[in-house]
């Protein structure tokens, strides 16, 4: 998986999670968070690519 693919997937996964968090907050105002995987330089497949990983944190 190339770097552009990771950015694309990270953006849309984050957009979806944001929509879910906003819907949850509309029902009950609680804190929402997502964990970030510290991939430590591994290649895709050895860490859960597509989610919040340190390589695409700025996205």
C-alpha atoms as a PDB file:
ATOM      1  CA  UNK A   1       0.000   0.000   0.000  1.00  0.00           C
ATOM      2  CA  UNK A   2       1.473   3.345  -1.029  1.00  0.00           C
ATOM      3  CA  UNK A   3       1.617   6.473   1.070  1.00  0.00           C
ATOM      4  CA  UNK A   4      -1.166   8.173  -0.944  1.00  0.00           C
ATOM      5  CA  UNK A   5      -3.406   5.158  -0.299  1.00  0.00           C
ATOM      6  CA  UNK A   6      -2.780   5.431   3.439  1.00  0.00           C
ATOM      7  CA  UNK A   7      -3.642   9.135   3.432  1.00  0.00           C
ATOM      8  CA  UNK A   8      -6.815   8.514   1.404  1.00  0.00           C
ATOM      9  CA  UNK A   9      -7.996   5.735   3.702  1.00  0.00           C
ATOM     10  CA  UNK A  10      -7.045   7.630   6.869  1.00  0.00           C
ATOM     11  CA  UNK A  11      -9.004  10.695   5.733  1.00  0.00           C
ATOM     12  CA  UNK A  12     -12.187   8.749   5.034  1.00  0.00           C
ATOM     13  CA  UNK A  13     -11.952   6.571   8.141  1.00  0.00           C
ATOM     14  CA  UNK A  14     -11.443   9.735  10.229  1.00  0.00           C
ATOM     15  CA  UNK A  15     -14.402  11.415   8.498  1.00  0.00           C
ATOM     16  CA  UNK A  16     -16.601   8.424   9.295  1.00  0.00           C
ATOM     17  CA  UNK A  17     -15.447   8.283  12.922  1.00  0.00           C
ATOM     18  CA  UNK A  18     -16.096  12.003  13.272  1.00  0.00           C
ATOM     19  CA  UNK A  19     -19.662  11.546  11.995  1.00  0.00           C
ATOM     20  CA  UNK A  20     -20.240   8.677  14.455  1.00  0.00           C
ATOM     21  CA  UNK A  21     -18.806  10.739  17.336  1.00  0.00           C
ATOM     22  CA  UNK A  22     -20.986  13.739  16.434  1.00  0.00           C
ATOM     23  CA  UNK A  23     -24.100  11.526  16.324  1.00  0.00           C
ATOM     24  CA  UNK A  24     -23.160  10.047  19.703  1.00  0.00           C
ATOM     25  CA  UNK A  25     -22.577  13.475  21.216  1.00  0.00           C
ATOM     26  CA  UNK A  26     -26.006  14.580  19.975  1.00  0.00           C
ATOM     27  CA  UNK A  27     -27.550  11.837  22.125  1.00  0.00           C
ATOM     28  CA  UNK A  28     -25.242  12.084  25.121  1.00  0.00           C
ATOM     29  CA  UNK A  29     -22.487  14.685  25.654  1.00  0.00           C
ATOM     30  CA  UNK A  30     -19.590  12.418  26.639  1.00  0.00           C
ATOM     31  CA  UNK A  31     -15.935  12.510  25.620  1.00  0.00           C
ATOM     32  CA  UNK A  32     -15.028  10.608  22.465  1.00  0.00           C
ATOM     33  CA  UNK A  33     -11.531   9.390  21.581  1.00  0.00           C
ATOM     34  CA  UNK A  34      -9.728   7.111  19.136  1.00  0.00           C
ATOM     35  CA  UNK A  35      -6.528   5.238  19.858  1.00  0.00           C
ATOM     36  CA  UNK A  36      -3.551   5.684  17.544  1.00  0.00           C
ATOM     37  CA  UNK A  37      -1.336   2.739  16.617  1.00  0.00           C
ATOM     38  CA  UNK A  38       2.362   3.504  16.930  1.00  0.00           C
ATOM     39  CA  UNK A  39       3.520   1.562  13.868  1.00  0.00           C
ATOM     40  CA  UNK A  40       7.253   1.898  14.608  1.00  0.00           C
ATOM     41  CA  UNK A  41       8.283   1.752  10.934  1.00  0.00           C
ATOM     42  CA  UNK A  42       6.571  -1.503  10.023  1.00  0.00           C
ATOM     43  CA  UNK A  43       5.137  -2.127   6.548  1.00  0.00           C
ATOM     44  CA  UNK A  44       1.384  -2.194   5.929  1.00  0.00           C
ATOM     45  CA  UNK A  45      -0.027  -5.545   6.958  1.00  0.00           C
ATOM     46  CA  UNK A  46       2.102  -5.682  10.103  1.00  0.00           C
ATOM     47  CA  UNK A  47       0.044  -2.896  11.646  1.00  0.00           C
ATOM     48  CA  UNK A  48      -3.659  -2.008  11.254  1.00  0.00           C
ATOM     49  CA  UNK A  49      -3.414   0.279   8.213  1.00  0.00           C
ATOM     50  CA  UNK A  50      -6.413   2.464   7.430  1.00  0.00           C
ATOM     51  CA  UNK A  51      -6.861   3.621  10.990  1.00  0.00           C
ATOM     52  CA  UNK A  52      -5.167   6.359  12.952  1.00  0.00           C
ATOM     53  CA  UNK A  53      -1.449   5.585  12.715  1.00  0.00           C
ATOM     54  CA  UNK A  54       1.395   7.967  13.410  1.00  0.00           C
ATOM     55  CA  UNK A  55       2.402   8.228   9.719  1.00  0.00           C
ATOM     56  CA  UNK A  56      -0.867   9.982   8.810  1.00  0.00           C
ATOM     57  CA  UNK A  57      -1.475  11.851  12.072  1.00  0.00           C
ATOM     58  CA  UNK A  58      -1.600  15.222  10.283  1.00  0.00           C
ATOM     59  CA  UNK A  59      -4.548  14.005   8.188  1.00  0.00           C
END
